[in-house]
């Protein structure tokens, strides 16, 4: 998908949400925020905010929120052993075989 297609998809998603939302004061759904922030790797913030009709301050806050969220998630992959030990519960106590 080209960059313009990605922007168009997100613009359409925002328009659809605005058309169908029940309250004018409701916050933007998380998936839409994530899609908007993901566009930052291809577009300037001003281009995104104009296309999505959102404020620059709002977009800046979303970027900050997702940056801190991504930085706080650490994944450590544990090695897989070729012969795993089997744990068994017998009589309420954990017993290694």
PDB file of N, CA and C in Angstrom:
ATOM      1  N   UNK A   1       0.852  -1.178   0.000  1.00  0.00           N
ATOM      2  CA  UNK A   1       0.000   0.000   0.000  1.00  0.00           C
ATOM      3  C   UNK A   1       0.892   1.233   0.000  1.00  0.00           C
ATOM      4  N   UNK A   2       0.608   2.182  -0.857  1.00  0.00           N
ATOM      5  CA  UNK A   2       1.425   3.390  -0.934  1.00  0.00           C
ATOM      6  C   UNK A   2       1.130   4.308   0.249  1.00  0.00           C
ATOM      7  N   UNK A   3       2.027   5.269   0.448  1.00  0.00           N
ATOM      8  CA  UNK A   3       1.848   6.216   1.547  1.00  0.00           C
ATOM      9  C   UNK A   3       0.531   6.972   1.426  1.00  0.00           C
ATOM     10  N   UNK A   4       0.192   7.405   0.204  1.00  0.00           N
ATOM     11  CA  UNK A   4      -1.049   8.154   0.011  1.00  0.00           C
ATOM     12  C   UNK A   4      -2.247   7.275   0.347  1.00  0.00           C
ATOM     13  N   UNK A   5      -2.173   5.989   0.016  1.00  0.00           N
ATOM     14  CA  UNK A   5      -3.261   5.078   0.361  1.00  0.00           C
ATOM     15  C   UNK A   5      -3.417   4.964   1.870  1.00  0.00           C
ATOM     16  N   UNK A   6      -2.296   4.891   2.591  1.00  0.00           N
ATOM     17  CA  UNK A   6      -2.354   4.792   4.049  1.00  0.00           C
ATOM     18  C   UNK A   6      -3.003   6.029   4.648  1.00  0.00           C
ATOM     19  N   UNK A   7      -2.621   7.185   4.175  1.00  0.00           N
ATOM     20  CA  UNK A   7      -3.214   8.423   4.667  1.00  0.00           C
ATOM     21  C   UNK A   7      -4.712   8.456   4.342  1.00  0.00           C
ATOM     22  N   UNK A   8      -5.067   8.061   3.150  1.00  0.00           N
ATOM     23  CA  UNK A   8      -6.483   8.045   2.754  1.00  0.00           C
ATOM     24  C   UNK A   8      -7.303   7.095   3.613  1.00  0.00           C
ATOM     25  N   UNK A   9      -6.736   5.946   3.928  1.00  0.00           N
ATOM     26  CA  UNK A   9      -7.440   4.964   4.761  1.00  0.00           C
ATOM     27  C   UNK A   9      -7.709   5.544   6.147  1.00  0.00           C
ATOM     28  N   UNK A  10      -6.714   6.206   6.724  1.00  0.00           N
ATOM     29  CA  UNK A  10      -6.880   6.780   8.059  1.00  0.00           C
ATOM     30  C   UNK A  10      -7.858   7.960   8.016  1.00  0.00           C
ATOM     31  N   UNK A  11      -7.777   8.782   6.986  1.00  0.00           N
ATOM     32  CA  UNK A  11      -8.721   9.891   6.837  1.00  0.00           C
ATOM     33  C   UNK A  11     -10.142   9.344   6.754  1.00  0.00           C
ATOM     34  N   UNK A  12     -10.349   8.311   5.970  1.00  0.00           N
ATOM     35  CA  UNK A  12     -11.672   7.695   5.835  1.00  0.00           C
ATOM     36  C   UNK A  12     -12.152   7.123   7.160  1.00  0.00           C
ATOM     37  N   UNK A  13     -11.249   6.492   7.907  1.00  0.00           N
ATOM     38  CA  UNK A  13     -11.615   5.931   9.211  1.00  0.00           C
ATOM     39  C   UNK A  13     -12.054   7.033  10.176  1.00  0.00           C
ATOM     40  N   UNK A  14     -11.336   8.144  10.185  1.00  0.00           N
ATOM     41  CA  UNK A  14     -11.713   9.276  11.049  1.00  0.00           C
ATOM     42  C   UNK A  14     -13.064   9.852  10.627  1.00  0.00           C
ATOM     43  N   UNK A  15     -13.270  10.004   9.333  1.00  0.00           N
ATOM     44  CA  UNK A  15     -14.548  10.536   8.854  1.00  0.00           C
ATOM     45  C   UNK A  15     -15.705   9.623   9.230  1.00  0.00           C
ATOM     46  N   UNK A  16     -15.503   8.326   9.079  1.00  0.00           N
ATOM     47  CA  UNK A  16     -16.537   7.353   9.422  1.00  0.00           C
ATOM     48  C   UNK A  16     -16.859   7.402  10.911  1.00  0.00           C
ATOM     49  N   UNK A  17     -15.816   7.497  11.735  1.00  0.00           N
ATOM     50  CA  UNK A  17     -16.026   7.578  13.184  1.00  0.00           C
ATOM     51  C   UNK A  17     -16.798   8.851  13.531  1.00  0.00           C
ATOM     52  N   UNK A  18     -16.407   9.961  12.953  1.00  0.00           N
ATOM     53  CA  UNK A  18     -17.103  11.221  13.244  1.00  0.00           C
ATOM     54  C   UNK A  18     -18.574  11.162  12.817  1.00  0.00           C
ATOM     55  N   UNK A  19     -18.819  10.519  11.707  1.00  0.00           N
ATOM     56  CA  UNK A  19     -20.182  10.413  11.195  1.00  0.00           C
ATOM     57  C   UNK A  19     -21.063   9.553  12.105  1.00  0.00           C
ATOM     58  N   UNK A  20     -20.491   8.515  12.713  1.00  0.00           N
ATOM     59  CA  UNK A  20     -21.273   7.548  13.486  1.00  0.00           C
ATOM     60  C   UNK A  20     -21.186   7.685  15.001  1.00  0.00           C
ATOM     61  N   UNK A  21     -20.366   8.586  15.505  1.00  0.00           N
ATOM     62  CA  UNK A  21     -20.236   8.698  16.961  1.00  0.00           C
ATOM     63  C   UNK A  21     -21.518   9.255  17.573  1.00  0.00           C
ATOM     64  N   UNK A  22     -21.753   8.862  18.798  1.00  0.00           N
ATOM     65  CA  UNK A  22     -22.994   9.268  19.464  1.00  0.00           C
ATOM     66  C   UNK A  22     -22.846  10.558  20.252  1.00  0.00           C
ATOM     67  N   UNK A  23     -21.605  10.930  20.614  1.00  0.00           N
ATOM     68  CA  UNK A  23     -21.385  12.125  21.413  1.00  0.00           C
ATOM     69  C   UNK A  23     -20.277  12.970  20.797  1.00  0.00           C
ATOM     70  N   UNK A  24     -20.487  14.254  20.729  1.00  0.00           N
ATOM     71  CA  UNK A  24     -19.470  15.165  20.207  1.00  0.00           C
ATOM     72  C   UNK A  24     -18.277  15.291  21.154  1.00  0.00           C
ATOM     73  N   UNK A  25     -18.504  14.982  22.425  1.00  0.00           N
ATOM     74  CA  UNK A  25     -17.451  15.149  23.427  1.00  0.00           C
ATOM     75  C   UNK A  25     -16.653  13.875  23.679  1.00  0.00           C
ATOM     76  N   UNK A  26     -17.000  12.793  23.017  1.00  0.00           N
ATOM     77  CA  UNK A  26     -16.278  11.544  23.218  1.00  0.00           C
ATOM     78  C   UNK A  26     -14.846  11.631  22.712  1.00  0.00           C
ATOM     79  N   UNK A  27     -13.951  10.929  23.382  1.00  0.00           N
ATOM     80  CA  UNK A  27     -12.555  10.963  22.956  1.00  0.00           C
ATOM     81  C   UNK A  27     -12.344  10.056  21.743  1.00  0.00           C
ATOM     82  N   UNK A  28     -11.300  10.344  21.015  1.00  0.00           N
ATOM     83  CA  UNK A  28     -10.966   9.570  19.825  1.00  0.00           C
ATOM     84  C   UNK A  28     -10.579   8.159  20.247  1.00  0.00           C
ATOM     85  N   UNK A  29     -11.134   7.143  19.596  1.00  0.00           N
ATOM     86  CA  UNK A  29     -10.806   5.755  19.952  1.00  0.00           C
ATOM     87  C   UNK A  29      -9.310   5.452  19.796  1.00  0.00           C
ATOM     88  N   UNK A  30      -8.819   4.591  20.654  1.00  0.00           N
ATOM     89  CA  UNK A  30      -7.394   4.234  20.641  1.00  0.00           C
ATOM     90  C   UNK A  30      -6.909   3.731  19.275  1.00  0.00           C
ATOM     91  N   UNK A  31      -7.657   2.852  18.593  1.00  0.00           N
ATOM     92  CA  UNK A  31      -7.157   2.386  17.285  1.00  0.00           C
ATOM     93  C   UNK A  31      -6.957   3.524  16.282  1.00  0.00           C
ATOM     94  N   UNK A  32      -7.823   4.520  16.317  1.00  0.00           N
ATOM     95  CA  UNK A  32      -7.650   5.659  15.412  1.00  0.00           C
ATOM     96  C   UNK A  32      -6.430   6.485  15.804  1.00  0.00           C
ATOM     97  N   UNK A  33      -6.225   6.633  17.093  1.00  0.00           N
ATOM     98  CA  UNK A  33      -5.033   7.362  17.553  1.00  0.00           C
ATOM     99  C   UNK A  33      -3.768   6.651  17.088  1.00  0.00           C
ATOM    100  N   UNK A  34      -3.754   5.331  17.236  1.00  0.00           N
ATOM    101  CA  UNK A  34      -2.582   4.540  16.828  1.00  0.00           C
ATOM    102  C   UNK A  34      -2.328   4.679  15.330  1.00  0.00           C
ATOM    103  N   UNK A  35      -3.391   4.640  14.542  1.00  0.00           N
ATOM    104  CA  UNK A  35      -3.237   4.786  13.094  1.00  0.00           C
ATOM    105  C   UNK A  35      -2.676   6.164  12.745  1.00  0.00           C
ATOM    106  N   UNK A  36      -3.144   7.185  13.435  1.00  0.00           N
ATOM    107  CA  UNK A  36      -2.661   8.537  13.183  1.00  0.00           C
ATOM    108  C   UNK A  36      -1.177   8.655  13.524  1.00  0.00           C
ATOM    109  N   UNK A  37      -0.790   8.141  14.664  1.00  0.00           N
ATOM    110  CA  UNK A  37       0.613   8.210  15.088  1.00  0.00           C
ATOM    111  C   UNK A  37       1.507   7.412  14.135  1.00  0.00           C
ATOM    112  N   UNK A  38       1.004   6.293  13.634  1.00  0.00           N
ATOM    113  CA  UNK A  38       1.785   5.461  12.710  1.00  0.00           C
ATOM    114  C   UNK A  38       2.111   6.212  11.415  1.00  0.00           C
ATOM    115  N   UNK A  39       1.302   7.183  11.046  1.00  0.00           N
ATOM    116  CA  UNK A  39       1.551   7.962   9.832  1.00  0.00           C
ATOM    117  C   UNK A  39       2.760   8.878   9.966  1.00  0.00           C
ATOM    118  N   UNK A  40       3.188   9.110  11.185  1.00  0.00           N
ATOM    119  CA  UNK A  40       4.272  10.070  11.430  1.00  0.00           C
ATOM    120  C   UNK A  40       5.584   9.658  10.773  1.00  0.00           C
ATOM    121  N   UNK A  41       5.749   8.371  10.509  1.00  0.00           N
ATOM    122  CA  UNK A  41       6.986   7.934   9.861  1.00  0.00           C
ATOM    123  C   UNK A  41       7.032   8.332   8.375  1.00  0.00           C
ATOM    124  N   UNK A  42       5.862   8.661   7.793  1.00  0.00           N
ATOM    125  CA  UNK A  42       5.833   9.047   6.383  1.00  0.00           C
ATOM    126  C   UNK A  42       5.457  10.510   6.136  1.00  0.00           C
ATOM    127  N   UNK A  43       4.826  11.155   7.109  1.00  0.00           N
ATOM    128  CA  UNK A  43       4.310  12.505   6.908  1.00  0.00           C
ATOM    129  C   UNK A  43       4.716  13.415   8.051  1.00  0.00           C
ATOM    130  N   UNK A  44       4.679  14.696   7.774  1.00  0.00           N
ATOM    131  CA  UNK A  44       4.924  15.679   8.830  1.00  0.00           C
ATOM    132  C   UNK A  44       3.694  15.758   9.724  1.00  0.00           C
ATOM    133  N   UNK A  45       3.907  16.208  10.928  1.00  0.00           N
ATOM    134  CA  UNK A  45       2.797  16.354  11.873  1.00  0.00           C
ATOM    135  C   UNK A  45       1.730  17.298  11.330  1.00  0.00           C
ATOM    136  N   UNK A  46       2.151  18.374  10.690  1.00  0.00           N
ATOM    137  CA  UNK A  46       1.172  19.333  10.172  1.00  0.00           C
ATOM    138  C   UNK A  46       0.327  18.720   9.058  1.00  0.00           C
ATOM    139  N   UNK A  47       0.938  17.923   8.211  1.00  0.00           N
ATOM    140  CA  UNK A  47       0.186  17.248   7.133  1.00  0.00           C
ATOM    141  C   UNK A  47      -0.859  16.304   7.723  1.00  0.00           C
ATOM    142  N   UNK A  48      -0.480  15.579   8.761  1.00  0.00           N
ATOM    143  CA  UNK A  48      -1.397  14.625   9.404  1.00  0.00           C
ATOM    144  C   UNK A  48      -2.540  15.360  10.083  1.00  0.00           C
ATOM    145  N   UNK A  49      -2.212  16.391  10.854  1.00  0.00           N
ATOM    146  CA  UNK A  49      -3.263  17.099  11.595  1.00  0.00           C
ATOM    147  C   UNK A  49      -4.248  17.789  10.657  1.00  0.00           C
ATOM    148  N   UNK A  50      -3.762  18.318   9.554  1.00  0.00           N
ATOM    149  CA  UNK A  50      -4.655  18.957   8.582  1.00  0.00           C
ATOM    150  C   UNK A  50      -5.559  17.908   7.931  1.00  0.00           C
ATOM    151  N   UNK A  51      -4.977  16.807   7.496  1.00  0.00           N
ATOM    152  CA  UNK A  51      -5.750  15.770   6.811  1.00  0.00           C
ATOM    153  C   UNK A  51      -6.797  15.136   7.728  1.00  0.00           C
ATOM    154  N   UNK A  52      -6.413  14.923   9.001  1.00  0.00           N
ATOM    155  CA  UNK A  52      -7.330  14.256   9.939  1.00  0.00           C
ATOM    156  C   UNK A  52      -8.233  15.236  10.685  1.00  0.00           C
ATOM    157  N   UNK A  53      -7.983  16.523  10.496  1.00  0.00           N
ATOM    158  CA  UNK A  53      -8.773  17.575  11.157  1.00  0.00           C
ATOM    159  C   UNK A  53      -8.721  17.445  12.684  1.00  0.00           C
ATOM    160  N   UNK A  54      -7.490  17.332  13.173  1.00  0.00           N
ATOM    161  CA  UNK A  54      -7.255  17.274  14.619  1.00  0.00           C
ATOM    162  C   UNK A  54      -6.278  18.379  14.982  1.00  0.00           C
ATOM    163  N   UNK A  55      -6.233  18.727  16.258  1.00  0.00           N
ATOM    164  CA  UNK A  55      -5.333  19.801  16.679  1.00  0.00           C
ATOM    165  C   UNK A  55      -3.898  19.280  16.799  1.00  0.00           C
ATOM    166  N   UNK A  56      -2.968  20.204  16.602  1.00  0.00           N
ATOM    167  CA  UNK A  56      -1.562  19.843  16.727  1.00  0.00           C
ATOM    168  C   UNK A  56      -1.209  19.395  18.132  1.00  0.00           C
ATOM    169  N   UNK A  57      -1.799  20.062  19.131  1.00  0.00           N
ATOM    170  CA  UNK A  57      -1.540  19.687  20.522  1.00  0.00           C
ATOM    171  C   UNK A  57      -2.058  18.300  20.841  1.00  0.00           C
ATOM    172  N   UNK A  58      -3.215  17.988  20.306  1.00  0.00           N
ATOM    173  CA  UNK A  58      -3.807  16.668  20.513  1.00  0.00           C
ATOM    174  C   UNK A  58      -2.915  15.594  19.888  1.00  0.00           C
ATOM    175  N   UNK A  59      -2.470  15.831  18.671  1.00  0.00           N
ATOM    176  CA  UNK A  59      -1.613  14.866  17.983  1.00  0.00           C
ATOM    177  C   UNK A  59      -0.276  14.690  18.707  1.00  0.00           C
ATOM    178  N   UNK A  60       0.270  15.799  19.176  1.00  0.00           N
ATOM    179  CA  UNK A  60       1.536  15.749  19.908  1.00  0.00           C
ATOM    180  C   UNK A  60       1.382  14.889  21.171  1.00  0.00           C
ATOM    181  N   UNK A  61       0.255  15.031  21.861  1.00  0.00           N
ATOM    182  CA  UNK A  61       0.007  14.246  23.064  1.00  0.00           C
ATOM    183  C   UNK A  61      -0.123  12.762  22.728  1.00  0.00           C
ATOM    184  N   UNK A  62      -0.810  12.442  21.648  1.00  0.00           N
ATOM    185  CA  UNK A  62      -0.941  11.040  21.236  1.00  0.00           C
ATOM    186  C   UNK A  62       0.432  10.449  20.940  1.00  0.00           C
ATOM    187  N   UNK A  63       1.268  11.208  20.238  1.00  0.00           N
ATOM    188  CA  UNK A  63       2.618  10.726  19.911  1.00  0.00           C
ATOM    189  C   UNK A  63       3.408  10.469  21.190  1.00  0.00           C
ATOM    190  N   UNK A  64       3.299  11.376  22.135  1.00  0.00           N
ATOM    191  CA  UNK A  64       3.998  11.242  23.413  1.00  0.00           C
ATOM    192  C   UNK A  64       3.493  10.013  24.170  1.00  0.00           C
ATOM    193  N   UNK A  65       2.168   9.829  24.190  1.00  0.00           N
ATOM    194  CA  UNK A  65       1.586   8.680  24.885  1.00  0.00           C
ATOM    195  C   UNK A  65       2.071   7.362  24.302  1.00  0.00           C
ATOM    196  N   UNK A  66       2.083   7.253  22.978  1.00  0.00           N
ATOM    197  CA  UNK A  66       2.483   5.996  22.347  1.00  0.00           C
ATOM    198  C   UNK A  66       3.982   5.775  22.406  1.00  0.00           C
ATOM    199  N   UNK A  67       4.756   6.862  22.428  1.00  0.00           N
ATOM    200  CA  UNK A  67       6.202   6.717  22.559  1.00  0.00           C
ATOM    201  C   UNK A  67       6.539   6.163  23.941  1.00  0.00           C
ATOM    202  N   UNK A  68       5.926   6.711  24.983  1.00  0.00           N
ATOM    203  CA  UNK A  68       6.208   6.229  26.336  1.00  0.00           C
ATOM    204  C   UNK A  68       5.678   4.818  26.526  1.00  0.00           C
ATOM    205  N   UNK A  69       4.561   4.487  25.883  1.00  0.00           N
ATOM    206  CA  UNK A  69       4.023   3.135  25.966  1.00  0.00           C
ATOM    207  C   UNK A  69       4.981   2.152  25.317  1.00  0.00           C
ATOM    208  N   UNK A  70       5.494   2.481  24.141  1.00  0.00           N
ATOM    209  CA  UNK A  70       6.425   1.597  23.447  1.00  0.00           C
ATOM    210  C   UNK A  70       7.741   1.457  24.195  1.00  0.00           C
ATOM    211  N   UNK A  71       8.190   2.512  24.852  1.00  0.00           N
ATOM    212  CA  UNK A  71       9.441   2.446  25.594  1.00  0.00           C
ATOM    213  C   UNK A  71       9.300   1.619  26.869  1.00  0.00           C
ATOM    214  N   UNK A  72       8.096   1.576  27.428  1.00  0.00           N
ATOM    215  CA  UNK A  72       7.913   0.858  28.682  1.00  0.00           C
ATOM    216  C   UNK A  72       7.695  -0.637  28.488  1.00  0.00           C
ATOM    217  N   UNK A  73       7.467  -1.060  27.264  1.00  0.00           N
ATOM    218  CA  UNK A  73       7.244  -2.475  27.007  1.00  0.00           C
ATOM    219  C   UNK A  73       8.576  -3.115  26.643  1.00  0.00           C
ATOM    220  N   UNK A  74       9.046  -3.979  27.516  1.00  0.00           N
ATOM    221  CA  UNK A  74      10.264  -4.722  27.256  1.00  0.00           C
ATOM    222  C   UNK A  74       9.909  -6.188  27.127  1.00  0.00           C
ATOM    223  N   UNK A  75      10.350  -6.797  26.068  1.00  0.00           N
ATOM    224  CA  UNK A  75      10.083  -8.201  25.847  1.00  0.00           C
ATOM    225  C   UNK A  75      11.407  -8.937  25.897  1.00  0.00           C
ATOM    226  N   UNK A  76      11.469  -9.931  26.737  1.00  0.00           N
ATOM    227  CA  UNK A  76      12.666 -10.737  26.844  1.00  0.00           C
ATOM    228  C   UNK A  76      12.299 -12.146  26.421  1.00  0.00           C
ATOM    229  N   UNK A  77      12.929 -12.604  25.353  1.00  0.00           N
ATOM    230  CA  UNK A  77      12.646 -13.944  24.880  1.00  0.00           C
ATOM    231  C   UNK A  77      13.537 -14.916  25.641  1.00  0.00           C
ATOM    232  N   UNK A  78      12.912 -15.901  26.249  1.00  0.00           N
ATOM    233  CA  UNK A  78      13.645 -16.902  27.001  1.00  0.00           C
ATOM    234  C   UNK A  78      14.055 -18.034  26.085  1.00  0.00           C
ATOM    235  N   UNK A  79      15.222 -18.622  26.341  1.00  0.00           N
ATOM    236  CA  UNK A  79      15.668 -19.725  25.490  1.00  0.00           C
ATOM    237  C   UNK A  79      14.778 -20.954  25.693  1.00  0.00           C
ATOM    238  N   UNK A  80      14.618 -21.697  24.637  1.00  0.00           N
ATOM    239  CA  UNK A  80      13.833 -22.923  24.701  1.00  0.00           C
ATOM    240  C   UNK A  80      14.814 -24.073  24.900  1.00  0.00           C
ATOM    241  N   UNK A  81      14.555 -24.885  25.909  1.00  0.00           N
ATOM    242  CA  UNK A  81      15.431 -26.024  26.162  1.00  0.00           C
ATOM    243  C   UNK A  81      14.951 -27.222  25.360  1.00  0.00           C
ATOM    244  N   UNK A  82      15.884 -28.102  25.052  1.00  0.00           N
ATOM    245  CA  UNK A  82      15.525 -29.257  24.236  1.00  0.00           C
ATOM    246  C   UNK A  82      14.757 -30.313  25.023  1.00  0.00           C
ATOM    247  N   UNK A  83      14.960 -30.364  26.337  1.00  0.00           N
ATOM    248  CA  UNK A  83      14.226 -31.344  27.151  1.00  0.00           C
ATOM    249  C   UNK A  83      13.641 -30.626  28.367  1.00  0.00           C
ATOM    250  N   UNK A  84      12.441 -30.071  28.216  1.00  0.00           N
ATOM    251  CA  UNK A  84      11.841 -29.325  29.325  1.00  0.00           C
ATOM    252  C   UNK A  84      11.489 -30.238  30.493  1.00  0.00           C
ATOM    253  N   UNK A  85      11.626 -29.694  31.687  1.00  0.00           N
ATOM    254  CA  UNK A  85      11.227 -30.435  32.879  1.00  0.00           C
ATOM    255  C   UNK A  85       9.723 -30.338  33.020  1.00  0.00           C
ATOM    256  N   UNK A  86       9.124 -31.381  33.491  1.00  0.00           N
ATOM    257  CA  UNK A  86       7.684 -31.405  33.683  1.00  0.00           C
ATOM    258  C   UNK A  86       7.400 -31.226  35.157  1.00  0.00           C
ATOM    259  N   UNK A  87       6.562 -30.231  35.447  1.00  0.00           N
ATOM    260  CA  UNK A  87       6.127 -29.999  36.820  1.00  0.00           C
ATOM    261  C   UNK A  87       4.809 -30.723  37.019  1.00  0.00           C
ATOM    262  N   UNK A  88       4.667 -31.294  38.169  1.00  0.00           N
ATOM    263  CA  UNK A  88       3.462 -32.046  38.459  1.00  0.00           C
ATOM    264  C   UNK A  88       2.987 -31.691  39.853  1.00  0.00           C
ATOM    265  N   UNK A  89       1.706 -31.543  40.010  1.00  0.00           N
ATOM    266  CA  UNK A  89       1.141 -31.257  41.314  1.00  0.00           C
ATOM    267  C   UNK A  89       0.608 -32.556  41.887  1.00  0.00           C
ATOM    268  N   UNK A  90       1.147 -32.925  43.059  1.00  0.00           N
ATOM    269  CA  UNK A  90       0.677 -34.136  43.732  1.00  0.00           C
ATOM    270  C   UNK A  90       0.410 -33.803  45.186  1.00  0.00           C
ATOM    271  N   UNK A  91      -0.801 -34.056  45.604  1.00  0.00           N
ATOM    272  CA  UNK A  91      -1.162 -33.802  46.989  1.00  0.00           C
ATOM    273  C   UNK A  91      -1.043 -32.353  47.388  1.00  0.00           C
ATOM    274  N   UNK A  92      -1.284 -31.433  46.474  1.00  0.00           N
ATOM    275  CA  UNK A  92      -1.244 -30.014  46.779  1.00  0.00           C
ATOM    276  C   UNK A  92       0.147 -29.419  46.746  1.00  0.00           C
ATOM    277  N   UNK A  93       1.185 -30.223  46.504  1.00  0.00           N
ATOM    278  CA  UNK A  93       2.558 -29.715  46.456  1.00  0.00           C
ATOM    279  C   UNK A  93       3.119 -29.881  45.041  1.00  0.00           C
ATOM    280  N   UNK A  94       3.920 -28.937  44.645  1.00  0.00           N
ATOM    281  CA  UNK A  94       4.529 -28.992  43.331  1.00  0.00           C
ATOM    282  C   UNK A  94       5.733 -29.923  43.419  1.00  0.00           C
ATOM    283  N   UNK A  95       5.801 -30.858  42.498  1.00  0.00           N
ATOM    284  CA  UNK A  95       6.867 -31.859  42.525  1.00  0.00           C
ATOM    285  C   UNK A  95       7.539 -31.872  41.158  1.00  0.00           C
ATOM    286  N   UNK A  96       8.872 -31.816  41.159  1.00  0.00           N
ATOM    287  CA  UNK A  96       9.639 -31.898  39.911  1.00  0.00           C
ATOM    288  C   UNK A  96      10.002 -33.336  39.639  1.00  0.00           C
ATOM    289  N   UNK A  97       9.857 -33.690  38.379  1.00  0.00           N
ATOM    290  CA  UNK A  97      10.276 -35.040  37.991  1.00  0.00           C
ATOM    291  C   UNK A  97      11.629 -35.003  37.357  1.00  0.00           C
TER     292      UNK A  97
END
